[in-house]
Amino acid sequence: MNLVTNASEAIGERAGVIRVTTARARVGPDAHLTGGASLPPGDYLKLEVSDTGKGMTPEVQTRIFDPFFTTKSTGHGLGLATVQGIVRSHFGAINVVSFARPRHTF
């Protein structure tokens, strides 16, 4: 729920798309995940949440799992920290990919 809520907030008031998919994923011995995460080789469930929001800067990406870090005026900064805790408690890892889109001013 936290991932979909964040995706929705990233899109904002404009029209957008949130896609939630699952797949079986094989992790090899040389897999590289963001944030220094690692998983033993094997088969895993992959849950992917993607959106058409504006993306995150590299600086924001380095802090998104920090407790109490938020980029929103009404946020508490616990959503993604909670997601990370749940995933780790199930011996999983999170891989983050974001393509920050430049803002245009006209």
Protein backbone atom coordinates (compact mmCIF):
# COMPACT_ATOMS: atom_id res chain seq x y z
CA MET A 1 0.00 0.00 0.00
CA ASN A 2 2.84 2.43 0.80
CA LEU A 3 4.43 1.87 -2.60
CA VAL A 4 1.21 2.57 -4.49
CA THR A 5 0.44 5.61 -2.32
CA ASN A 6 3.90 7.05 -3.04
CA ALA A 7 3.47 6.34 -6.76
CA SER A 8 0.14 8.17 -6.72
CA GLU A 9 1.67 11.15 -4.93
CA ALA A 10 4.55 11.21 -7.42
CA ILE A 11 2.07 11.60 -10.27
CA GLY A 12 0.21 14.37 -8.48
CA GLU A 13 -2.88 16.04 -9.88
CA ARG A 14 -2.24 15.23 -13.52
CA ALA A 15 -3.26 12.03 -15.32
CA GLY A 16 -0.78 9.18 -14.96
CA VAL A 17 -0.28 5.46 -14.76
CA ILE A 18 0.66 3.20 -11.85
CA ARG A 19 1.60 -0.34 -12.82
CA VAL A 20 1.89 -3.20 -10.31
CA THR A 21 3.32 -6.44 -11.65
CA THR A 22 4.65 -9.68 -10.24
CA ALA A 23 7.00 -12.19 -11.78
CA ARG A 24 9.34 -14.99 -10.88
CA ALA A 25 12.92 -13.74 -10.85
CA ARG A 26 16.19 -15.64 -10.72
CA VAL A 27 19.01 -13.91 -8.85
CA GLY A 28 22.47 -14.94 -9.96
CA PRO A 29 25.71 -14.86 -7.96
CA ASP A 30 26.77 -11.54 -9.48
CA ALA A 31 23.49 -9.62 -9.11
CA HIS A 32 23.89 -5.95 -8.19
CA LEU A 33 21.07 -4.27 -6.31
CA THR A 34 20.88 -0.62 -5.28
CA GLY A 35 21.90 0.46 -1.82
CA GLY A 36 24.40 -2.34 -1.36
CA ALA A 37 21.65 -4.93 -0.90
CA SER A 38 22.46 -8.50 -1.76
CA LEU A 39 20.54 -11.73 -2.02
CA PRO A 40 21.75 -15.30 -2.12
CA PRO A 41 21.38 -16.78 -5.61
CA GLY A 42 18.02 -18.42 -6.21
CA ASP A 43 14.43 -17.91 -7.27
CA TYR A 44 12.44 -15.00 -5.87
CA LEU A 45 9.14 -13.25 -6.31
CA LYS A 46 9.58 -9.88 -7.97
CA LEU A 47 7.01 -7.20 -7.12
CA GLU A 48 7.40 -4.13 -9.28
CA VAL A 49 5.61 -0.84 -8.78
CA SER A 50 6.17 1.78 -11.47
CA ASP A 51 4.58 5.14 -12.15
CA THR A 52 4.71 8.01 -14.60
CA GLY A 53 5.64 10.54 -11.93
CA LYS A 54 8.48 13.04 -12.23
CA GLY A 55 11.15 10.70 -10.84
CA MET A 56 13.66 11.23 -8.04
CA THR A 57 16.98 13.00 -8.05
CA PRO A 58 20.02 10.91 -7.10
CA GLU A 59 20.20 12.84 -3.80
CA VAL A 60 16.63 11.89 -2.89
CA GLN A 61 17.20 8.27 -3.94
CA THR A 62 20.02 7.90 -1.42
CA ARG A 63 17.68 8.87 1.45
CA ILE A 64 14.26 7.41 0.58
CA PHE A 65 14.51 4.59 3.13
CA ASP A 66 15.76 6.82 5.97
CA PRO A 67 13.18 6.98 8.76
CA PHE A 68 11.52 10.41 8.91
CA PHE A 69 12.93 11.53 5.54
CA THR A 70 10.22 13.02 3.34
CA THR A 71 9.94 15.35 0.38
CA LYS A 72 6.28 16.12 1.11
CA SER A 73 4.95 18.80 3.40
CA THR A 74 2.37 16.41 4.87
CA GLY A 75 4.57 13.29 4.92
CA HIS A 76 5.92 11.55 8.00
CA GLY A 77 8.79 9.76 6.25
CA LEU A 78 7.93 6.31 7.57
CA GLY A 79 6.26 4.70 4.54
CA LEU A 80 9.32 3.52 2.63
CA ALA A 81 11.27 2.78 5.82
CA THR A 82 8.39 0.45 6.77
CA VAL A 83 8.38 -1.16 3.32
CA GLN A 84 12.11 -1.80 3.59
CA GLY A 85 11.69 -3.35 7.04
CA ILE A 86 8.94 -5.68 5.82
CA VAL A 87 10.93 -6.75 2.76
CA ARG A 88 14.07 -7.41 4.83
CA SER A 89 12.11 -9.41 7.43
CA HIS A 90 11.12 -11.74 4.58
CA PHE A 91 14.75 -12.03 3.45
CA GLY A 92 14.22 -9.87 0.38
CA ALA A 93 15.78 -6.74 -1.06
CA ILE A 94 14.60 -3.61 -2.82
CA ASN A 95 16.00 -2.35 -6.08
CA VAL A 96 15.23 1.28 -6.92
CA VAL A 97 15.33 2.70 -10.43
CA SER A 98 14.30 6.28 -11.12
CA PHE A 99 14.63 8.56 -14.06
CA ALA A 100 14.21 12.14 -12.87
CA ARG A 101 12.55 14.20 -15.53
CA PRO A 102 13.70 17.81 -15.88
CA ARG A 103 11.12 20.41 -14.94
CA HIS A 104 10.22 22.81 -17.69
CA THR A 105 9.15 26.37 -16.98
CA PHE A 106 7.36 28.30 -19.65
